[in-house]
PDB file of N, CA and C in Angstrom:
ATOM      1  N   MET A   1      70.423  64.289  98.076  1.00  0.00           N
ATOM      2  CA  MET A   1      70.727  65.692  98.146  1.00  0.00           C
ATOM      3  C   MET A   1      69.669  66.444  97.327  1.00  0.00           C
ATOM      4  N   SER A   2      69.150  67.518  97.885  1.00  0.00           N
ATOM      5  CA  SER A   2      68.100  68.280  97.212  1.00  0.00           C
ATOM      6  C   SER A   2      68.700  69.397  96.361  1.00  0.00           C
ATOM      7  N   GLU A   3      67.879  69.904  95.469  1.00  0.00           N
ATOM      8  CA  GLU A   3      68.305  71.004  94.601  1.00  0.00           C
ATOM      9  C   GLU A   3      68.467  72.285  95.416  1.00  0.00           C
ATOM     10  N   PRO A   4      69.466  73.100  95.095  1.00  0.00           N
ATOM     11  CA  PRO A   4      69.642  74.376  95.823  1.00  0.00           C
ATOM     12  C   PRO A   4      68.517  75.345  95.500  1.00  0.00           C
ATOM     13  N   THR A   5      68.170  76.165  96.466  1.00  0.00           N
ATOM     14  CA  THR A   5      67.140  77.185  96.287  1.00  0.00           C
ATOM     15  C   THR A   5      67.815  78.497  95.897  1.00  0.00           C
ATOM     16  N   PRO A   6      67.466  79.058  94.746  1.00  0.00           N
ATOM     17  CA  PRO A   6      68.082  80.333  94.358  1.00  0.00           C
ATOM     18  C   PRO A   6      67.553  81.492  95.202  1.00  0.00           C
ATOM     19  N   HIS A   7      68.430  82.398  95.551  1.00  0.00           N
ATOM     20  CA  HIS A   7      68.060  83.598  96.294  1.00  0.00           C
ATOM     21  C   HIS A   7      68.587  84.798  95.502  1.00  0.00           C
ATOM     22  N   PRO A   8      67.774  85.349  94.616  1.00  0.00           N
ATOM     23  CA  PRO A   8      68.251  86.462  93.787  1.00  0.00           C
ATOM     24  C   PRO A   8      68.571  87.705  94.619  1.00  0.00           C
ATOM     25  N   VAL A   9      69.517  88.479  94.123  1.00  0.00           N
ATOM     26  CA  VAL A   9      69.912  89.717  94.779  1.00  0.00           C
ATOM     27  C   VAL A   9      69.470  90.872  93.893  1.00  0.00           C
ATOM     28  N   ASN A  10      68.735  91.801  94.456  1.00  0.00           N
ATOM     29  CA  ASN A  10      68.299  92.981  93.719  1.00  0.00           C
ATOM     30  C   ASN A  10      69.279  94.120  93.996  1.00  0.00           C
ATOM     31  N   ILE A  11      69.806  94.708  92.935  1.00  0.00           N
ATOM     32  CA  ILE A  11      70.779  95.789  93.059  1.00  0.00           C
ATOM     33  C   ILE A  11      70.214  97.026  92.384  1.00  0.00           C
ATOM     34  N   SER A  12      70.257  98.140  93.090  1.00  0.00           N
ATOM     35  CA  SER A  12      69.835  99.423  92.524  1.00  0.00           C
ATOM     36  C   SER A  12      71.050 100.326  92.396  1.00  0.00           C
ATOM     37  N   VAL A  13      71.167 101.014  91.262  1.00  0.00           N
ATOM     38  CA  VAL A  13      72.286 101.922  91.013  1.00  0.00           C
ATOM     39  C   VAL A  13      71.720 103.311  90.761  1.00  0.00           C
ATOM     40  N   TYR A  14      72.285 104.291  91.448  1.00  0.00           N
ATOM     41  CA  TYR A  14      71.823 105.667  91.309  1.00  0.00           C
ATOM     42  C   TYR A  14      72.990 106.536  90.864  1.00  0.00           C
ATOM     43  N   GLU A  15      72.718 107.517  90.039  1.00  0.00           N
ATOM     44  CA  GLU A  15      73.742 108.475  89.626  1.00  0.00           C
ATOM     45  C   GLU A  15      73.907 109.510  90.730  1.00  0.00           C
ATOM     46  N   SER A  16      75.115 109.574  91.298  1.00  0.00           N
ATOM     47  CA  SER A  16      75.363 110.501  92.405  1.00  0.00           C
ATOM     48  C   SER A  16      75.999 111.806  91.932  1.00  0.00           C
ATOM     49  N   GLY A  17      76.557 111.797  90.729  1.00  0.00           N
ATOM     50  CA  GLY A  17      77.235 112.988  90.249  1.00  0.00           C
ATOM     51  C   GLY A  17      78.649 113.126  90.757  1.00  0.00           C
ATOM     52  N   VAL A  18      79.107 112.209  91.615  1.00  0.00           N
ATOM     53  CA  VAL A  18      80.454 112.263  92.151  1.00  0.00           C
ATOM     54  C   VAL A  18      81.414 111.699  91.108  1.00  0.00           C
ATOM     55  N   THR A  19      82.479 112.426  90.829  1.00  0.00           N
ATOM     56  CA  THR A  19      83.470 111.969  89.870  1.00  0.00           C
ATOM     57  C   THR A  19      84.840 111.936  90.534  1.00  0.00           C
ATOM     58  N   PRO A  20      85.702 111.036  90.100  1.00  0.00           N
ATOM     59  CA  PRO A  20      87.047 110.985  90.695  1.00  0.00           C
ATOM     60  C   PRO A  20      87.859 112.206  90.276  1.00  0.00           C
ATOM     61  N   PRO A  21      88.865 112.566  91.066  1.00  0.00           N
ATOM     62  CA  PRO A  21      89.705 113.689  90.676  1.00  0.00           C
ATOM     63  C   PRO A  21      90.495 113.351  89.415  1.00  0.00           C
ATOM     64  N   ALA A  22      90.941 114.355  88.736  1.00  0.00           N
ATOM     65  CA  ALA A  22      91.730 114.153  87.525  1.00  0.00           C
ATOM     66  C   ALA A  22      93.039 113.458  87.865  1.00  0.00           C
ATOM     67  N   ARG A  23      93.439 112.549  87.015  1.00  0.00           N
ATOM     68  CA  ARG A  23      94.677 111.812  87.239  1.00  0.00           C
ATOM     69  C   ARG A  23      95.867 112.700  86.885  1.00  0.00           C
ATOM     70  N   PRO A  24      96.816 112.853  87.796  1.00  0.00           N
ATOM     71  CA  PRO A  24      97.964 113.703  87.483  1.00  0.00           C
ATOM     72  C   PRO A  24      98.872 113.029  86.451  1.00  0.00           C
ATOM     73  N   GLU A  25      99.541 113.821  85.657  1.00  0.00           N
ATOM     74  CA  GLU A  25     100.467 113.282  84.668  1.00  0.00           C
ATOM     75  C   GLU A  25     101.795 112.998  85.360  1.00  0.00           C
ATOM     76  N   TRP A  26     102.293 111.808  85.181  1.00  0.00           N
ATOM     77  CA  TRP A  26     103.533 111.393  85.829  1.00  0.00           C
ATOM     78  C   TRP A  26     104.423 110.798  84.751  1.00  0.00           C
ATOM     79  N   LYS A  27     105.245 111.643  84.126  1.00  0.00           N
ATOM     80  CA  LYS A  27     106.007 111.230  82.955  1.00  0.00           C
ATOM     81  C   LYS A  27     107.219 110.369  83.301  1.00  0.00           C
ATOM     82  N   ASN A  28     108.001 110.773  84.252  1.00  0.00           N
ATOM     83  CA  ASN A  28     109.247 110.066  84.565  1.00  0.00           C
ATOM     84  C   ASN A  28     109.067 109.111  85.737  1.00  0.00           C
ATOM     85  N   TRP A  29     108.048 108.266  85.642  1.00  0.00           N
ATOM     86  CA  TRP A  29     107.748 107.373  86.759  1.00  0.00           C
ATOM     87  C   TRP A  29     108.872 106.381  87.013  1.00  0.00           C
ATOM     88  N   ASP A  30     109.558 105.904  85.963  1.00  0.00           N
ATOM     89  CA  ASP A  30     110.569 104.881  86.178  1.00  0.00           C
ATOM     90  C   ASP A  30     111.753 105.401  86.982  1.00  0.00           C
ATOM     91  N   SER A  31     112.213 106.615  86.702  1.00  0.00           N
ATOM     92  CA  SER A  31     113.338 107.143  87.469  1.00  0.00           C
ATOM     93  C   SER A  31     112.921 107.397  88.915  1.00  0.00           C
ATOM     94  N   VAL A  32     111.717 107.869  89.137  1.00  0.00           N
ATOM     95  CA  VAL A  32     111.232 108.106  90.498  1.00  0.00           C
ATOM     96  C   VAL A  32     111.078 106.780  91.234  1.00  0.00           C
ATOM     97  N   PHE A  33     110.530 105.776  90.549  1.00  0.00           N
ATOM     98  CA  PHE A  33     110.324 104.461  91.152  1.00  0.00           C
ATOM     99  C   PHE A  33     111.655 103.830  91.577  1.00  0.00           C
ATOM    100  N   TYR A  34     112.632 103.841  90.668  1.00  0.00           N
ATOM    101  CA  TYR A  34     113.930 103.236  91.000  1.00  0.00           C
ATOM    102  C   TYR A  34     114.651 104.016  92.093  1.00  0.00           C
ATOM    103  N   LYS A  35     114.460 105.320  92.147  1.00  0.00           N
ATOM    104  CA  LYS A  35     115.045 106.128  93.229  1.00  0.00           C
ATOM    105  C   LYS A  35     114.423 105.742  94.568  1.00  0.00           C
ATOM    106  N   GLN A  36     113.112 105.479  94.581  1.00  0.00           N
ATOM    107  CA  GLN A  36     112.443 105.057  95.815  1.00  0.00           C
ATOM    108  C   GLN A  36     112.990 103.710  96.288  1.00  0.00           C
ATOM    109  N   ILE A  37     113.305 102.825  95.355  1.00  0.00           N
ATOM    110  CA  ILE A  37     113.885 101.533  95.721  1.00  0.00           C
ATOM    111  C   ILE A  37     115.280 101.745  96.308  1.00  0.00           C
ATOM    112  N   GLU A  38     116.093 102.563  95.663  1.00  0.00           N
ATOM    113  CA  GLU A  38     117.448 102.834  96.146  1.00  0.00           C
ATOM    114  C   GLU A  38     117.438 103.459  97.539  1.00  0.00           C
ATOM    115  N   ASP A  39     116.489 104.354  97.787  1.00  0.00           N
ATOM    116  CA  ASP A  39     116.407 105.043  99.080  1.00  0.00           C
ATOM    117  C   ASP A  39     115.762 104.191 100.167  1.00  0.00           C
ATOM    118  N   GLY A  40     115.241 103.000  99.796  1.00  0.00           N
ATOM    119  CA  GLY A  40     114.584 102.138 100.772  1.00  0.00           C
ATOM    120  C   GLY A  40     113.143 102.513 101.045  1.00  0.00           C
ATOM    121  N   GLU A  41     112.601 103.448 100.263  1.00  0.00           N
ATOM    122  CA  GLU A  41     111.217 103.878 100.452  1.00  0.00           C
ATOM    123  C   GLU A  41     110.239 102.796  99.984  1.00  0.00           C
ATOM    124  N   LYS A  42     110.635 102.033  98.948  1.00  0.00           N
ATOM    125  CA  LYS A  42     109.820 100.934  98.429  1.00  0.00           C
ATOM    126  C   LYS A  42     110.448  99.623  98.851  1.00  0.00           C
ATOM    127  N   ASP A  43     109.633  98.702  99.340  1.00  0.00           N
ATOM    128  CA  ASP A  43     110.096  97.383  99.734  1.00  0.00           C
ATOM    129  C   ASP A  43     109.877  96.421  98.569  1.00  0.00           C
ATOM    130  N   ILE A  44     110.963  95.839  98.063  1.00  0.00           N
ATOM    131  CA  ILE A  44     110.831  94.933  96.918  1.00  0.00           C
ATOM    132  C   ILE A  44     111.241  93.510  97.283  1.00  0.00           C
ATOM    133  N   THR A  45     111.181  93.158  98.567  1.00  0.00           N
ATOM    134  CA  THR A  45     111.526  91.801  98.954  1.00  0.00           C
ATOM    135  C   THR A  45     110.446  90.844  98.459  1.00  0.00           C
ATOM    136  N   PRO A  46     110.836  89.606  98.119  1.00  0.00           N
ATOM    137  CA  PRO A  46     109.847  88.630  97.634  1.00  0.00           C
ATOM    138  C   PRO A  46     108.783  88.354  98.692  1.00  0.00           C
ATOM    139  N   ARG A  47     107.567  88.146  98.243  1.00  0.00           N
ATOM    140  CA  ARG A  47     106.454  87.872  99.151  1.00  0.00           C
ATOM    141  C   ARG A  47     106.279  86.372  99.315  1.00  0.00           C
ATOM    142  N   THR A  48     105.948  85.954 100.537  1.00  0.00           N
ATOM    143  CA  THR A  48     105.617  84.564 100.824  1.00  0.00           C
ATOM    144  C   THR A  48     104.252  84.527 101.462  1.00  0.00           C
ATOM    145  N   ASP A  49     103.713  83.342 101.637  1.00  0.00           N
ATOM    146  CA  ASP A  49     102.394  83.216 102.255  1.00  0.00           C
ATOM    147  C   ASP A  49     102.361  83.801 103.656  1.00  0.00           C
ATOM    148  N   GLN A  50     103.457  83.700 104.383  1.00  0.00           N
ATOM    149  CA  GLN A  50     103.503  84.176 105.765  1.00  0.00           C
ATOM    150  C   GLN A  50     104.051  85.588 105.899  1.00  0.00           C
ATOM    151  N   SER A  51     104.506  86.205 104.809  1.00  0.00           N
ATOM    152  CA  SER A  51     105.157  87.509 104.919  1.00  0.00           C
ATOM    153  C   SER A  51     104.217  88.606 105.387  1.00  0.00           C
ATOM    154  N   CYS A  52     102.920  88.413 105.205  1.00  0.00           N
ATOM    155  CA  CYS A  52     101.976  89.447 105.658  1.00  0.00           C
ATOM    156  C   CYS A  52     101.940  89.545 107.174  1.00  0.00           C
ATOM    157  N   TYR A  53     102.434  88.502 107.870  1.00  0.00           N
ATOM    158  CA  TYR A  53     102.419  88.531 109.330  1.00  0.00           C
ATOM    159  C   TYR A  53     103.709  89.124 109.902  1.00  0.00           C
ATOM    160  N   ASN A  54     104.727  89.291 109.059  1.00  0.00           N
ATOM    161  CA  ASN A  54     106.007  89.847 109.512  1.00  0.00           C
ATOM    162  C   ASN A  54     105.937  91.356 109.490  1.00  0.00           C
ATOM    163  N   LYS A  55     106.350  91.975 110.560  1.00  0.00           N
ATOM    164  CA  LYS A  55     106.355  93.435 110.623  1.00  0.00           C
ATOM    165  C   LYS A  55     107.650  93.918 111.174  1.00  0.00           C
TER     166      LYS A  55
END
């Protein structure tokens, strides 16, 4: 078996000036989250390897 040949990757980064929007303040997230679960808006069923194929 021969030695692997390295293939370097050149990456250039430029400043675009684009910034993400300000993060909104969400103080009572837990009450909102649990309400979403109660209303069925959030799915909290356990995940399995095949669950991504179930719709």
